Amino acid sequence: MKILIAEQSCVVRERLATLLDDMEGVEIVGQVEDPREAGDLATDLKAEVVILDLPTSGGQVADVLASVKRIDPAPTVIVLTNDAFPQVREECIDRGADYFLDKSTELPELLSILQRLTRTG
């Protein structure tokens, strides 16, 4: 399973890469700091899963999700954010995110989701 990490924090990006490197069936095909680049990069790299941090400037969530979900076939999008407010969660799900996780409390769930996806994919 090819994964693109679109994460603004270098520390979090590196931690995710380290965690995922040890997972069987997972290949990190790219990493990008600016989530707005995720759509084009996911297309170029044929990513099957995009782990997506939300852009820090407001109003771009819909644009970022739309650019990723426009890909054919659309990758699975896992939003991983510190902005895990109910209204943000709802907007992301409405805009096409397959999963929405809070960085500070739901990181173990990310690994569980990826393990399920590698078994079913």
N, C-alpha and C. Protein backbone atom coordinates (compact mmCIF):
# COMPACT_ATOMS: atom_id res chain seq x y z
N MET A 1 0.84 -1.17 0.00
CA MET A 1 0.00 0.00 0.00
C MET A 1 0.90 1.24 0.00
N LYS A 2 0.69 2.09 -0.97
CA LYS A 2 1.51 3.29 -1.13
C LYS A 2 0.89 4.45 -0.35
N ILE A 3 1.70 5.06 0.51
CA ILE A 3 1.22 6.12 1.40
C ILE A 3 1.98 7.41 1.17
N LEU A 4 1.22 8.50 1.09
CA LEU A 4 1.78 9.85 1.05
C LEU A 4 1.46 10.52 2.38
N ILE A 5 2.46 11.11 3.00
CA ILE A 5 2.28 11.85 4.25
C ILE A 5 2.33 13.34 3.93
N ALA A 6 1.23 14.04 4.15
CA ALA A 6 1.16 15.49 3.96
C ALA A 6 0.96 16.11 5.33
N GLU A 7 2.05 16.49 5.95
CA GLU A 7 2.05 16.91 7.35
C GLU A 7 2.91 18.15 7.52
N GLN A 8 2.35 19.18 8.15
CA GLN A 8 3.05 20.45 8.31
C GLN A 8 4.22 20.39 9.29
N SER A 9 4.12 19.56 10.30
CA SER A 9 5.17 19.47 11.32
C SER A 9 6.23 18.46 10.91
N CYS A 10 7.46 18.93 10.82
CA CYS A 10 8.57 18.04 10.48
C CYS A 10 8.71 16.92 11.51
N VAL A 11 8.55 17.24 12.76
CA VAL A 11 8.68 16.24 13.83
C VAL A 11 7.61 15.16 13.69
N VAL A 12 6.38 15.56 13.45
CA VAL A 12 5.29 14.59 13.29
C VAL A 12 5.51 13.77 12.02
N ARG A 13 5.90 14.42 10.93
CA ARG A 13 6.16 13.74 9.67
C ARG A 13 7.22 12.65 9.85
N GLU A 14 8.30 13.00 10.52
CA GLU A 14 9.37 12.01 10.76
C GLU A 14 8.90 10.88 11.67
N ARG A 15 8.11 11.21 12.68
CA ARG A 15 7.60 10.17 13.58
C ARG A 15 6.68 9.22 12.84
N LEU A 16 5.79 9.78 12.01
CA LEU A 16 4.91 8.93 11.22
C LEU A 16 5.71 8.02 10.29
N ALA A 17 6.70 8.58 9.63
CA ALA A 17 7.52 7.79 8.72
C ALA A 17 8.21 6.66 9.45
N THR A 18 8.72 6.93 10.63
CA THR A 18 9.38 5.89 11.44
C THR A 18 8.40 4.80 11.83
N LEU A 19 7.21 5.20 12.30
CA LEU A 19 6.19 4.22 12.70
C LEU A 19 5.75 3.36 11.52
N LEU A 20 5.54 3.99 10.38
CA LEU A 20 5.00 3.27 9.24
C LEU A 20 6.04 2.44 8.51
N ASP A 21 7.31 2.82 8.63
CA ASP A 21 8.39 2.07 7.98
C ASP A 21 8.41 0.61 8.42
N ASP A 22 8.01 0.36 9.65
CA ASP A 22 8.07 -1.00 10.18
C ASP A 22 6.82 -1.83 9.86
N MET A 23 5.81 -1.21 9.25
CA MET A 23 4.58 -1.93 8.95
C MET A 23 4.73 -2.74 7.66
N GLU A 24 4.34 -3.99 7.74
CA GLU A 24 4.39 -4.85 6.57
C GLU A 24 3.32 -4.43 5.57
N GLY A 25 3.69 -4.39 4.30
CA GLY A 25 2.75 -4.04 3.26
C GLY A 25 2.57 -2.55 3.03
N VAL A 26 3.37 -1.74 3.73
CA VAL A 26 3.27 -0.28 3.63
C VAL A 26 4.54 0.27 2.99
N GLU A 27 4.35 1.16 2.02
CA GLU A 27 5.48 1.86 1.40
C GLU A 27 5.18 3.35 1.43
N ILE A 28 6.05 4.11 2.05
CA ILE A 28 5.89 5.57 2.06
C ILE A 28 6.48 6.06 0.74
N VAL A 29 5.61 6.57 -0.13
CA VAL A 29 6.07 6.99 -1.45
C VAL A 29 6.42 8.46 -1.50
N GLY A 30 6.03 9.21 -0.45
CA GLY A 30 6.36 10.63 -0.44
C GLY A 30 5.95 11.30 0.85
N GLN A 31 6.59 12.44 1.07
CA GLN A 31 6.28 13.27 2.22
C GLN A 31 6.29 14.72 1.75
N VAL A 32 5.34 15.49 2.24
CA VAL A 32 5.26 16.89 1.87
C VAL A 32 4.83 17.70 3.08
N GLU A 33 5.41 18.88 3.21
CA GLU A 33 5.09 19.76 4.35
C GLU A 33 3.79 20.53 4.12
N ASP A 34 3.55 20.95 2.90
CA ASP A 34 2.38 21.77 2.60
C ASP A 34 1.24 20.87 2.12
N PRO A 35 0.18 20.73 2.91
CA PRO A 35 -0.93 19.86 2.52
C PRO A 35 -1.56 20.25 1.19
N ARG A 36 -1.41 21.50 0.78
CA ARG A 36 -1.99 21.93 -0.49
C ARG A 36 -1.33 21.27 -1.69
N GLU A 37 -0.17 20.66 -1.49
CA GLU A 37 0.53 19.95 -2.56
C GLU A 37 0.12 18.49 -2.65
N ALA A 38 -0.72 18.04 -1.73
CA ALA A 38 -1.04 16.61 -1.63
C ALA A 38 -1.72 16.06 -2.87
N GLY A 39 -2.64 16.80 -3.47
CA GLY A 39 -3.37 16.29 -4.63
C GLY A 39 -2.46 15.97 -5.79
N ASP A 40 -1.63 16.91 -6.19
CA ASP A 40 -0.73 16.69 -7.32
C ASP A 40 0.28 15.59 -7.02
N LEU A 41 0.83 15.63 -5.82
CA LEU A 41 1.84 14.64 -5.46
C LEU A 41 1.24 13.23 -5.36
N ALA A 42 0.05 13.13 -4.79
CA ALA A 42 -0.61 11.82 -4.69
C ALA A 42 -0.86 11.25 -6.08
N THR A 43 -1.23 12.10 -7.03
CA THR A 43 -1.43 11.65 -8.41
C THR A 43 -0.13 11.15 -9.00
N ASP A 44 0.93 11.95 -8.88
CA ASP A 44 2.22 11.59 -9.46
C ASP A 44 2.78 10.30 -8.87
N LEU A 45 2.58 10.12 -7.57
CA LEU A 45 3.16 8.97 -6.87
C LEU A 45 2.22 7.76 -6.81
N LYS A 46 1.00 7.93 -7.33
CA LYS A 46 -0.01 6.86 -7.31
C LYS A 46 -0.27 6.38 -5.88
N ALA A 47 -0.39 7.35 -4.97
CA ALA A 47 -0.64 7.01 -3.56
C ALA A 47 -2.02 6.40 -3.40
N GLU A 48 -2.08 5.37 -2.59
CA GLU A 48 -3.35 4.72 -2.30
C GLU A 48 -3.97 5.26 -1.02
N VAL A 49 -3.12 5.81 -0.17
CA VAL A 49 -3.56 6.41 1.10
C VAL A 49 -2.83 7.74 1.25
N VAL A 50 -3.57 8.77 1.66
CA VAL A 50 -2.97 10.06 1.97
C VAL A 50 -3.28 10.37 3.43
N ILE A 51 -2.22 10.53 4.22
CA ILE A 51 -2.37 10.99 5.60
C ILE A 51 -2.21 12.49 5.53
N LEU A 52 -3.28 13.20 5.86
CA LEU A 52 -3.38 14.62 5.56
C LEU A 52 -3.58 15.46 6.80
N ASP A 53 -2.63 16.34 7.05
CA ASP A 53 -2.79 17.38 8.07
C ASP A 53 -3.62 18.48 7.43
N LEU A 54 -4.36 19.22 8.22
CA LEU A 54 -5.15 20.32 7.68
C LEU A 54 -4.29 21.55 7.49
N PRO A 55 -4.55 22.33 6.44
CA PRO A 55 -3.82 23.59 6.28
C PRO A 55 -4.11 24.51 7.45
N THR A 56 -3.10 25.28 7.86
CA THR A 56 -3.30 26.15 9.01
C THR A 56 -4.13 27.37 8.69
N SER A 57 -4.14 27.80 7.44
CA SER A 57 -4.96 28.96 7.10
C SER A 57 -6.37 28.49 6.78
N GLY A 58 -7.35 29.18 7.33
CA GLY A 58 -8.74 28.78 7.22
C GLY A 58 -9.26 28.80 5.80
N GLY A 59 -10.32 28.04 5.58
CA GLY A 59 -11.00 28.05 4.31
C GLY A 59 -10.40 27.16 3.24
N GLN A 60 -9.32 26.45 3.53
CA GLN A 60 -8.67 25.64 2.51
C GLN A 60 -8.93 24.15 2.67
N VAL A 61 -9.63 23.76 3.73
CA VAL A 61 -9.88 22.34 3.97
C VAL A 61 -10.60 21.73 2.78
N ALA A 62 -11.65 22.39 2.32
CA ALA A 62 -12.43 21.87 1.20
C ALA A 62 -11.58 21.74 -0.05
N ASP A 63 -10.74 22.73 -0.33
CA ASP A 63 -9.90 22.71 -1.52
C ASP A 63 -8.90 21.56 -1.48
N VAL A 64 -8.27 21.37 -0.33
CA VAL A 64 -7.27 20.32 -0.19
C VAL A 64 -7.93 18.95 -0.34
N LEU A 65 -9.04 18.73 0.34
CA LEU A 65 -9.72 17.43 0.24
C LEU A 65 -10.21 17.19 -1.18
N ALA A 66 -10.75 18.20 -1.82
CA ALA A 66 -11.25 18.05 -3.19
C ALA A 66 -10.12 17.69 -4.14
N SER A 67 -8.95 18.29 -3.97
CA SER A 67 -7.84 18.00 -4.88
C SER A 67 -7.37 16.56 -4.74
N VAL A 68 -7.45 16.02 -3.54
CA VAL A 68 -7.03 14.63 -3.32
C VAL A 68 -8.12 13.67 -3.79
N LYS A 69 -9.37 13.97 -3.50
CA LYS A 69 -10.45 13.05 -3.85
C LYS A 69 -10.80 13.08 -5.35
N ARG A 70 -10.26 14.04 -6.10
CA ARG A 70 -10.46 14.11 -7.55
C ARG A 70 -9.67 13.04 -8.29
N ILE A 71 -8.67 12.49 -7.65
CA ILE A 71 -7.80 11.49 -8.27
C ILE A 71 -8.62 10.25 -8.58
N ASP A 72 -8.31 9.61 -9.71
CA ASP A 72 -9.03 8.40 -10.09
C ASP A 72 -8.03 7.26 -10.24
N PRO A 73 -8.11 6.24 -9.43
CA PRO A 73 -9.05 6.07 -8.32
C PRO A 73 -8.64 6.93 -7.11
N ALA A 74 -9.63 7.39 -6.41
CA ALA A 74 -9.39 8.26 -5.25
C ALA A 74 -8.71 7.48 -4.13
N PRO A 75 -7.65 8.06 -3.57
CA PRO A 75 -7.01 7.39 -2.43
C PRO A 75 -7.86 7.49 -1.18
N THR A 76 -7.58 6.63 -0.24
CA THR A 76 -8.17 6.75 1.09
C THR A 76 -7.52 7.94 1.76
N VAL A 77 -8.32 8.83 2.33
CA VAL A 77 -7.79 10.02 2.99
C VAL A 77 -8.02 9.90 4.49
N ILE A 78 -6.92 9.99 5.22
CA ILE A 78 -6.96 9.99 6.68
C ILE A 78 -6.51 11.36 7.14
N VAL A 79 -7.45 12.15 7.64
CA VAL A 79 -7.10 13.46 8.19
C VAL A 79 -6.57 13.23 9.59
N LEU A 80 -5.38 13.74 9.85
CA LEU A 80 -4.73 13.63 11.14
C LEU A 80 -4.39 15.05 11.57
N THR A 81 -5.06 15.54 12.61
CA THR A 81 -4.98 16.97 12.92
C THR A 81 -5.01 17.25 14.41
N ASN A 82 -4.53 18.43 14.75
CA ASN A 82 -4.70 18.95 16.11
C ASN A 82 -6.00 19.73 16.23
N ASP A 83 -6.64 20.03 15.10
CA ASP A 83 -7.89 20.79 15.07
C ASP A 83 -9.08 19.85 15.04
N ALA A 84 -9.17 18.98 16.01
CA ALA A 84 -10.18 17.92 16.01
C ALA A 84 -11.49 18.37 16.67
N PHE A 85 -11.96 19.51 16.25
CA PHE A 85 -13.22 20.02 16.76
C PHE A 85 -14.37 19.36 16.00
N PRO A 86 -15.52 19.17 16.63
CA PRO A 86 -16.64 18.49 15.95
C PRO A 86 -17.01 19.11 14.61
N GLN A 87 -17.02 20.43 14.52
CA GLN A 87 -17.40 21.06 13.25
C GLN A 87 -16.35 20.82 12.17
N VAL A 88 -15.08 20.76 12.56
CA VAL A 88 -14.02 20.47 11.58
C VAL A 88 -14.13 19.01 11.13
N ARG A 89 -14.36 18.12 12.08
CA ARG A 89 -14.55 16.70 11.75
C ARG A 89 -15.69 16.53 10.75
N GLU A 90 -16.80 17.17 11.03
CA GLU A 90 -17.97 17.06 10.16
C GLU A 90 -17.67 17.59 8.75
N GLU A 91 -17.01 18.74 8.69
CA GLU A 91 -16.67 19.31 7.38
C GLU A 91 -15.76 18.38 6.59
N CYS A 92 -14.76 17.81 7.25
CA CYS A 92 -13.83 16.92 6.56
C CYS A 92 -14.53 15.67 6.04
N ILE A 93 -15.37 15.08 6.85
CA ILE A 93 -16.10 13.89 6.43
C ILE A 93 -17.04 14.25 5.27
N ASP A 94 -17.72 15.38 5.39
CA ASP A 94 -18.62 15.84 4.32
C ASP A 94 -17.87 16.09 3.02
N ARG A 95 -16.61 16.51 3.13
CA ARG A 95 -15.80 16.84 1.94
C ARG A 95 -15.03 15.64 1.39
N GLY A 96 -15.20 14.47 1.99
CA GLY A 96 -14.61 13.27 1.40
C GLY A 96 -13.56 12.56 2.21
N ALA A 97 -13.20 13.06 3.38
CA ALA A 97 -12.23 12.33 4.21
C ALA A 97 -12.83 10.99 4.62
N ASP A 98 -12.03 9.96 4.53
CA ASP A 98 -12.50 8.63 4.92
C ASP A 98 -12.39 8.42 6.43
N TYR A 99 -11.40 9.05 7.03
CA TYR A 99 -11.17 8.96 8.47
C TYR A 99 -10.74 10.33 8.98
N PHE A 100 -11.01 10.61 10.23
CA PHE A 100 -10.63 11.87 10.86
C PHE A 100 -10.11 11.55 12.24
N LEU A 101 -8.85 11.85 12.50
CA LEU A 101 -8.21 11.49 13.76
C LEU A 101 -7.53 12.68 14.42
N ASP A 102 -7.57 12.70 15.73
CA ASP A 102 -6.89 13.71 16.54
C ASP A 102 -5.45 13.24 16.77
N LYS A 103 -4.49 14.06 16.36
CA LYS A 103 -3.07 13.70 16.53
C LYS A 103 -2.71 13.37 17.97
N SER A 104 -3.27 14.12 18.89
CA SER A 104 -2.84 13.98 20.29
C SER A 104 -3.43 12.76 20.98
N THR A 105 -4.54 12.22 20.48
CA THR A 105 -5.17 11.11 21.21
C THR A 105 -5.43 9.86 20.38
N GLU A 106 -5.39 9.97 19.05
CA GLU A 106 -5.84 8.85 18.23
C GLU A 106 -4.76 8.26 17.31
N LEU A 107 -3.51 8.50 17.60
CA LEU A 107 -2.43 7.94 16.77
C LEU A 107 -2.48 6.41 16.72
N PRO A 108 -2.75 5.72 17.84
CA PRO A 108 -2.86 4.25 17.74
C PRO A 108 -3.95 3.81 16.77
N GLU A 109 -5.02 4.58 16.67
CA GLU A 109 -6.09 4.25 15.73
C GLU A 109 -5.60 4.33 14.28
N LEU A 110 -4.70 5.28 14.00
CA LEU A 110 -4.13 5.38 12.66
C LEU A 110 -3.46 4.07 12.27
N LEU A 111 -2.67 3.51 13.17
CA LEU A 111 -1.99 2.26 12.88
C LEU A 111 -2.98 1.12 12.66
N SER A 112 -4.05 1.09 13.45
CA SER A 112 -5.08 0.07 13.29
C SER A 112 -5.77 0.19 11.93
N ILE A 113 -6.08 1.41 11.54
CA ILE A 113 -6.72 1.64 10.24
C ILE A 113 -5.82 1.16 9.12
N LEU A 114 -4.55 1.52 9.18
CA LEU A 114 -3.61 1.12 8.13
C LEU A 114 -3.44 -0.40 8.08
N GLN A 115 -3.43 -1.05 9.23
CA GLN A 115 -3.33 -2.51 9.25
C GLN A 115 -4.56 -3.14 8.59
N ARG A 116 -5.75 -2.60 8.88
CA ARG A 116 -6.97 -3.10 8.24
C ARG A 116 -6.92 -2.89 6.73
N LEU A 117 -6.46 -1.73 6.31
CA LEU A 117 -6.40 -1.43 4.88
C LEU A 117 -5.41 -2.33 4.15
N THR A 118 -4.29 -2.65 4.79
CA THR A 118 -3.33 -3.54 4.12
C THR A 118 -3.89 -4.96 4.00
N ARG A 119 -4.71 -5.36 4.95
CA ARG A 119 -5.31 -6.70 4.88
C ARG A 119 -6.40 -6.79 3.83
N THR A 120 -7.14 -5.68 3.63
CA THR A 120 -8.26 -5.71 2.70
C THR A 120 -7.89 -5.23 1.32
N GLY A 121 -6.79 -4.50 1.21
CA GLY A 121 -6.41 -3.90 -0.08
C GLY A 121 -5.70 -4.85 -0.94
